[in-house]
PDB file of N, CA and C in Angstrom:
ATOM      1  N   MET A   1     101.386  86.213 109.610  1.00  0.00           N
ATOM      2  CA  MET A   1     102.112  85.993 108.361  1.00  0.00           C
ATOM      3  C   MET A   1     103.558  86.452 108.571  1.00  0.00           C
ATOM      4  N   ARG A   2     104.508  85.607 108.203  1.00  0.00           N
ATOM      5  CA  ARG A   2     105.916  85.985 108.339  1.00  0.00           C
ATOM      6  C   ARG A   2     106.224  87.205 107.485  1.00  0.00           C
ATOM      7  N   LYS A   3     107.204  87.991 107.908  1.00  0.00           N
ATOM      8  CA  LYS A   3     107.555  89.243 107.233  1.00  0.00           C
ATOM      9  C   LYS A   3     107.883  89.032 105.750  1.00  0.00           C
ATOM     10  N   GLU A   4     108.704  88.031 105.433  1.00  0.00           N
ATOM     11  CA  GLU A   4     109.085  87.798 104.035  1.00  0.00           C
ATOM     12  C   GLU A   4     107.888  87.357 103.201  1.00  0.00           C
ATOM     13  N   ARG A   5     107.038  86.528 103.766  1.00  0.00           N
ATOM     14  CA  ARG A   5     105.824  86.103 103.040  1.00  0.00           C
ATOM     15  C   ARG A   5     104.902  87.281 102.814  1.00  0.00           C
ATOM     16  N   LYS A   6     104.826  88.156 103.817  1.00  0.00           N
ATOM     17  CA  LYS A   6     104.003  89.350 103.697  1.00  0.00           C
ATOM     18  C   LYS A   6     104.542  90.253 102.587  1.00  0.00           C
ATOM     19  N   LEU A   7     105.848  90.431 102.572  1.00  0.00           N
ATOM     20  CA  LEU A   7     106.476  91.218 101.504  1.00  0.00           C
ATOM     21  C   LEU A   7     106.153  90.609 100.143  1.00  0.00           C
ATOM     22  N   ASP A   8     106.324  89.309 100.004  1.00  0.00           N
ATOM     23  CA  ASP A   8     106.039  88.628  98.738  1.00  0.00           C
ATOM     24  C   ASP A   8     104.579  88.803  98.327  1.00  0.00           C
ATOM     25  N   HIS A   9     103.683  88.642  99.282  1.00  0.00           N
ATOM     26  CA  HIS A   9     102.255  88.746  98.998  1.00  0.00           C
ATOM     27  C   HIS A   9     101.905  90.125  98.442  1.00  0.00           C
ATOM     28  N   PHE A  10     102.335  91.168  99.142  1.00  0.00           N
ATOM     29  CA  PHE A  10     101.964  92.514  98.712  1.00  0.00           C
ATOM     30  C   PHE A  10     102.763  92.971  97.496  1.00  0.00           C
ATOM     31  N   ALA A  11     103.973  92.460  97.328  1.00  0.00           N
ATOM     32  CA  ALA A  11     104.740  92.754  96.112  1.00  0.00           C
ATOM     33  C   ALA A  11     104.046  92.125  94.905  1.00  0.00           C
ATOM     34  N   ARG A  12     103.529  90.923  95.081  1.00  0.00           N
ATOM     35  CA  ARG A  12     102.804  90.255  93.991  1.00  0.00           C
ATOM     36  C   ARG A  12     101.536  91.039  93.642  1.00  0.00           C
ATOM     37  N   ARG A  13     100.820  91.505  94.650  1.00  0.00           N
ATOM     38  CA  ARG A  13      99.607  92.302  94.392  1.00  0.00           C
ATOM     39  C   ARG A  13      99.967  93.593  93.672  1.00  0.00           C
ATOM     40  N   TYR A  14     101.095  94.185  94.034  1.00  0.00           N
ATOM     41  CA  TYR A  14     101.583  95.360  93.313  1.00  0.00           C
ATOM     42  C   TYR A  14     101.870  94.992  91.854  1.00  0.00           C
ATOM     43  N   GLY A  15     102.547  93.891  91.639  1.00  0.00           N
ATOM     44  CA  GLY A  15     102.888  93.442  90.296  1.00  0.00           C
ATOM     45  C   GLY A  15     101.669  93.147  89.438  1.00  0.00           C
ATOM     46  N   GLU A  16     100.579  92.763  90.076  1.00  0.00           N
ATOM     47  CA  GLU A  16      99.334  92.474  89.360  1.00  0.00           C
ATOM     48  C   GLU A  16      98.507  93.737  89.143  1.00  0.00           C
ATOM     49  N   GLY A  17      99.017  94.865  89.644  1.00  0.00           N
ATOM     50  CA  GLY A  17      98.325  96.137  89.452  1.00  0.00           C
ATOM     51  C   GLY A  17      97.191  96.383  90.424  1.00  0.00           C
ATOM     52  N   GLU A  18      97.096  95.582  91.482  1.00  0.00           N
ATOM     53  CA  GLU A  18      96.027  95.729  92.464  1.00  0.00           C
ATOM     54  C   GLU A  18      96.310  96.846  93.468  1.00  0.00           C
ATOM     55  N   LEU A  19      97.588  97.123  93.715  1.00  0.00           N
ATOM     56  CA  LEU A  19      97.987  98.119  94.707  1.00  0.00           C
ATOM     57  C   LEU A  19      99.070  99.021  94.124  1.00  0.00           C
ATOM     58  N   THR A  20      99.146 100.234  94.639  1.00  0.00           N
ATOM     59  CA  THR A  20     100.300 101.057  94.311  1.00  0.00           C
ATOM     60  C   THR A  20     101.479 100.542  95.132  1.00  0.00           C
ATOM     61  N   LEU A  21     102.646 100.964  94.761  1.00  0.00           N
ATOM     62  CA  LEU A  21     103.841 100.568  95.501  1.00  0.00           C
ATOM     63  C   LEU A  21     103.775 101.065  96.942  1.00  0.00           C
ATOM     64  N   GLY A  22     103.314 102.294  97.109  1.00  0.00           N
ATOM     65  CA  GLY A  22     103.187 102.857  98.458  1.00  0.00           C
ATOM     66  C   GLY A  22     102.214 102.080  99.322  1.00  0.00           C
ATOM     67  N   ARG A  23     101.082 101.698  98.737  1.00  0.00           N
ATOM     68  CA  ARG A  23     100.083 100.939  99.484  1.00  0.00           C
ATOM     69  C   ARG A  23     100.605  99.533  99.812  1.00  0.00           C
ATOM     70  N   ALA A  24     101.316  98.931  98.880  1.00  0.00           N
ATOM     71  CA  ALA A  24     101.897  97.608  99.125  1.00  0.00           C
ATOM     72  C   ALA A  24     102.873  97.673 100.297  1.00  0.00           C
ATOM     73  N   ALA A  25     103.694  98.713 100.317  1.00  0.00           N
ATOM     74  CA  ALA A  25     104.650  98.880 101.418  1.00  0.00           C
ATOM     75  C   ALA A  25     103.918  99.069 102.748  1.00  0.00           C
ATOM     76  N   GLU A  26     102.901  99.915 102.715  1.00  0.00           N
ATOM     77  CA  GLU A  26     102.131 100.181 103.936  1.00  0.00           C
ATOM     78  C   GLU A  26     101.480  98.900 104.458  1.00  0.00           C
ATOM     79  N   GLU A  27     100.840  98.150 103.588  1.00  0.00           N
ATOM     80  CA  GLU A  27     100.169  96.912 103.992  1.00  0.00           C
ATOM     81  C   GLU A  27     101.162  95.870 104.503  1.00  0.00           C
ATOM     82  N   ALA A  28     102.363  95.847 103.927  1.00  0.00           N
ATOM     83  CA  ALA A  28     103.388  94.888 104.353  1.00  0.00           C
ATOM     84  C   ALA A  28     104.094  95.343 105.626  1.00  0.00           C
ATOM     85  N   GLY A  29     103.887  96.608 105.999  1.00  0.00           N
ATOM     86  CA  GLY A  29     104.510  97.122 107.214  1.00  0.00           C
ATOM     87  C   GLY A  29     105.986  97.444 107.046  1.00  0.00           C
ATOM     88  N   VAL A  30     106.367  97.840 105.820  1.00  0.00           N
ATOM     89  CA  VAL A  30     107.762  98.193 105.549  1.00  0.00           C
ATOM     90  C   VAL A  30     107.822  99.574 104.900  1.00  0.00           C
ATOM     91  N   SER A  31     109.019 100.126 104.829  1.00  0.00           N
ATOM     92  CA  SER A  31     109.182 101.414 104.178  1.00  0.00           C
ATOM     93  C   SER A  31     109.004 101.273 102.668  1.00  0.00           C
ATOM     94  N   LEU A  32     108.687 102.370 102.036  1.00  0.00           N
ATOM     95  CA  LEU A  32     108.567 102.383 100.580  1.00  0.00           C
ATOM     96  C   LEU A  32     109.878 101.932  99.951  1.00  0.00           C
ATOM     97  N   TRP A  33     110.996 102.372 100.517  1.00  0.00           N
ATOM     98  CA  TRP A  33     112.309 102.018  99.969  1.00  0.00           C
ATOM     99  C   TRP A  33     112.572 100.524 100.067  1.00  0.00           C
ATOM    100  N   ARG A  34     112.162  99.919 101.178  1.00  0.00           N
ATOM    101  CA  ARG A  34     112.363  98.472 101.322  1.00  0.00           C
ATOM    102  C   ARG A  34     111.496  97.715 100.313  1.00  0.00           C
ATOM    103  N   MET A  35     110.256  98.172 100.132  1.00  0.00           N
ATOM    104  CA  MET A  35     109.386  97.521  99.163  1.00  0.00           C
ATOM    105  C   MET A  35     109.942  97.685  97.753  1.00  0.00           C
ATOM    106  N   MET A  36     110.455  98.859  97.423  1.00  0.00           N
ATOM    107  CA  MET A  36     111.048  99.073  96.110  1.00  0.00           C
ATOM    108  C   MET A  36     112.200  98.100  95.881  1.00  0.00           C
ATOM    109  N   ASP A  37     113.034  97.931  96.889  1.00  0.00           N
ATOM    110  CA  ASP A  37     114.162  97.019  96.778  1.00  0.00           C
ATOM    111  C   ASP A  37     113.681  95.575  96.612  1.00  0.00           C
ATOM    112  N   HIS A  38     112.678  95.206  97.374  1.00  0.00           N
ATOM    113  CA  HIS A  38     112.137  93.843  97.307  1.00  0.00           C
ATOM    114  C   HIS A  38     111.559  93.564  95.913  1.00  0.00           C
ATOM    115  N   VAL A  39     110.781  94.502  95.402  1.00  0.00           N
ATOM    116  CA  VAL A  39     110.175  94.356  94.071  1.00  0.00           C
ATOM    117  C   VAL A  39     111.268  94.245  93.002  1.00  0.00           C
ATOM    118  N   ARG A  40     112.286  95.063  93.132  1.00  0.00           N
ATOM    119  CA  ARG A  40     113.397  95.029  92.170  1.00  0.00           C
ATOM    120  C   ARG A  40     114.110  93.679  92.217  1.00  0.00           C
ATOM    121  N   ARG A  41     114.404  93.200  93.430  1.00  0.00           N
ATOM    122  CA  ARG A  41     115.091  91.913  93.562  1.00  0.00           C
ATOM    123  C   ARG A  41     114.264  90.758  93.016  1.00  0.00           C
ATOM    124  N   ARG A  42     112.946  90.847  93.144  1.00  0.00           N
ATOM    125  CA  ARG A  42     112.053  89.804  92.659  1.00  0.00           C
ATOM    126  C   ARG A  42     111.717  89.988  91.175  1.00  0.00           C
ATOM    127  N   LYS A  43     112.241  91.067  90.591  1.00  0.00           N
ATOM    128  CA  LYS A  43     112.009  91.368  89.166  1.00  0.00           C
ATOM    129  C   LYS A  43     110.521  91.473  88.835  1.00  0.00           C
ATOM    130  N   ILE A  44     109.784  92.147  89.726  1.00  0.00           N
ATOM    131  CA  ILE A  44     108.355  92.357  89.534  1.00  0.00           C
ATOM    132  C   ILE A  44     108.168  93.697  88.827  1.00  0.00           C
ATOM    133  N   THR A  45     107.405  93.685  87.750  1.00  0.00           N
ATOM    134  CA  THR A  45     107.124  94.920  87.026  1.00  0.00           C
ATOM    135  C   THR A  45     105.619  95.113  86.912  1.00  0.00           C
ATOM    136  N   THR A  46     105.232  96.344  86.718  1.00  0.00           N
ATOM    137  CA  THR A  46     103.829  96.668  86.510  1.00  0.00           C
ATOM    138  C   THR A  46     103.739  98.012  85.810  1.00  0.00           C
ATOM    139  N   GLN A  47     102.552  98.360  85.364  1.00  0.00           N
ATOM    140  CA  GLN A  47     102.319  99.692  84.808  1.00  0.00           C
ATOM    141  C   GLN A  47     102.400 100.691  85.958  1.00  0.00           C
ATOM    142  N   TYR A  48     102.989 101.827  85.695  1.00  0.00           N
ATOM    143  CA  TYR A  48     103.118 102.856  86.723  1.00  0.00           C
ATOM    144  C   TYR A  48     102.927 104.195  86.035  1.00  0.00           C
ATOM    145  N   ASP A  49     101.873 104.897  86.395  1.00  0.00           N
ATOM    146  CA  ASP A  49     101.594 106.157  85.732  1.00  0.00           C
ATOM    147  C   ASP A  49     101.604 107.309  86.732  1.00  0.00           C
ATOM    148  N   LEU A  50     101.282 108.502  86.252  1.00  0.00           N
ATOM    149  CA  LEU A  50     101.311 109.681  87.122  1.00  0.00           C
ATOM    150  C   LEU A  50     100.311 109.575  88.266  1.00  0.00           C
ATOM    151  N   GLU A  51      99.190 108.955  88.022  1.00  0.00           N
ATOM    152  CA  GLU A  51      98.206 108.766  89.091  1.00  0.00           C
ATOM    153  C   GLU A  51      98.783 107.887  90.199  1.00  0.00           C
ATOM    154  N   ASP A  52      99.467 106.820  89.815  1.00  0.00           N
ATOM    155  CA  ASP A  52     100.122 105.946  90.792  1.00  0.00           C
ATOM    156  C   ASP A  52     101.172 106.722  91.583  1.00  0.00           C
ATOM    157  N   LEU A  53     101.961 107.519  90.880  1.00  0.00           N
ATOM    158  CA  LEU A  53     102.985 108.325  91.550  1.00  0.00           C
ATOM    159  C   LEU A  53     102.344 109.258  92.566  1.00  0.00           C
ATOM    160  N   GLY A  54     101.269 109.911  92.184  1.00  0.00           N
ATOM    161  CA  GLY A  54     100.574 110.813  93.104  1.00  0.00           C
ATOM    162  C   GLY A  54     100.097 110.103  94.352  1.00  0.00           C
ATOM    163  N   ARG A  55      99.536 108.906  94.184  1.00  0.00           N
ATOM    164  CA  ARG A  55      99.073 108.142  95.353  1.00  0.00           C
ATOM    165  C   ARG A  55     100.250 107.731  96.231  1.00  0.00           C
ATOM    166  N   ASP A  56     101.341 107.305  95.607  1.00  0.00           N
ATOM    167  CA  ASP A  56     102.512 106.909  96.385  1.00  0.00           C
ATOM    168  C   ASP A  56     103.089 108.094  97.149  1.00  0.00           C
ATOM    169  N   LEU A  57     103.162 109.241  96.515  1.00  0.00           N
ATOM    170  CA  LEU A  57     103.686 110.425  97.202  1.00  0.00           C
ATOM    171  C   LEU A  57     102.797 110.821  98.378  1.00  0.00           C
ATOM    172  N   THR A  58     101.492 110.697  98.197  1.00  0.00           N
ATOM    173  CA  THR A  58     100.568 110.982  99.291  1.00  0.00           C
ATOM    174  C   THR A  58     100.773 110.006 100.439  1.00  0.00           C
ATOM    175  N   THR A  59     100.944 108.725 100.122  1.00  0.00           N
ATOM    176  CA  THR A  59     101.191 107.712 101.150  1.00  0.00           C
ATOM    177  C   THR A  59     102.473 108.007 101.922  1.00  0.00           C
ATOM    178  N   VAL A  60     103.522 108.357 101.193  1.00  0.00           N
ATOM    179  CA  VAL A  60     104.807 108.663 101.833  1.00  0.00           C
ATOM    180  C   VAL A  60     104.639 109.891 102.727  1.00  0.00           C
ATOM    181  N   ARG A  61     103.987 110.922 102.213  1.00  0.00           N
ATOM    182  CA  ARG A  61     103.796 112.144 102.998  1.00  0.00           C
ATOM    183  C   ARG A  61     102.994 111.857 104.255  1.00  0.00           C
ATOM    184  N   ASP A  62     101.884 111.125 104.113  1.00  0.00           N
ATOM    185  CA  ASP A  62     101.023 110.816 105.252  1.00  0.00           C
ATOM    186  C   ASP A  62     101.726 109.915 106.268  1.00  0.00           C
ATOM    187  N   THR A  63     102.481 108.945 105.793  1.00  0.00           N
ATOM    188  CA  THR A  63     103.200 108.042 106.689  1.00  0.00           C
ATOM    189  C   THR A  63     104.296 108.786 107.424  1.00  0.00           C
ATOM    190  N   GLY A  64     105.011 109.655 106.724  1.00  0.00           N
ATOM    191  CA  GLY A  64     106.085 110.430 107.344  1.00  0.00           C
ATOM    192  C   GLY A  64     105.607 111.401 108.387  1.00  0.00           C
ATOM    193  N   SER A  65     104.426 111.986 108.176  1.00  0.00           N
ATOM    194  CA  SER A  65     103.927 112.982 109.114  1.00  0.00           C
ATOM    195  C   SER A  65     103.318 112.349 110.360  1.00  0.00           C
ATOM    196  N   SER A  66     103.003 111.051 110.290  1.00  0.00           N
ATOM    197  CA  SER A  66     102.400 110.393 111.457  1.00  0.00           C
ATOM    198  C   SER A  66     103.429 109.759 112.372  1.00  0.00           C
ATOM    199  N   GLN A  67     104.717 109.825 111.990  1.00  0.00           N
ATOM    200  CA  GLN A  67     105.737 109.175 112.812  1.00  0.00           C
ATOM    201  C   GLN A  67     106.429 110.155 113.708  1.00  0.00           C
TER     202      GLN A  67
END
């Protein structure tokens, strides 16, 4: 799957509430910041609560410590 299509696919799943932003970034193989920018540019919105934030922070922490 091409990188841009992959970004679109996982950004859409994030927008549908299927994935957290962190998980979408991980699955797309990009940084959380790049996924955030992509979602913003595509004007994708979703519900985001404290539980989602906790999962995203865990993903960022785990990804950062493995590099």
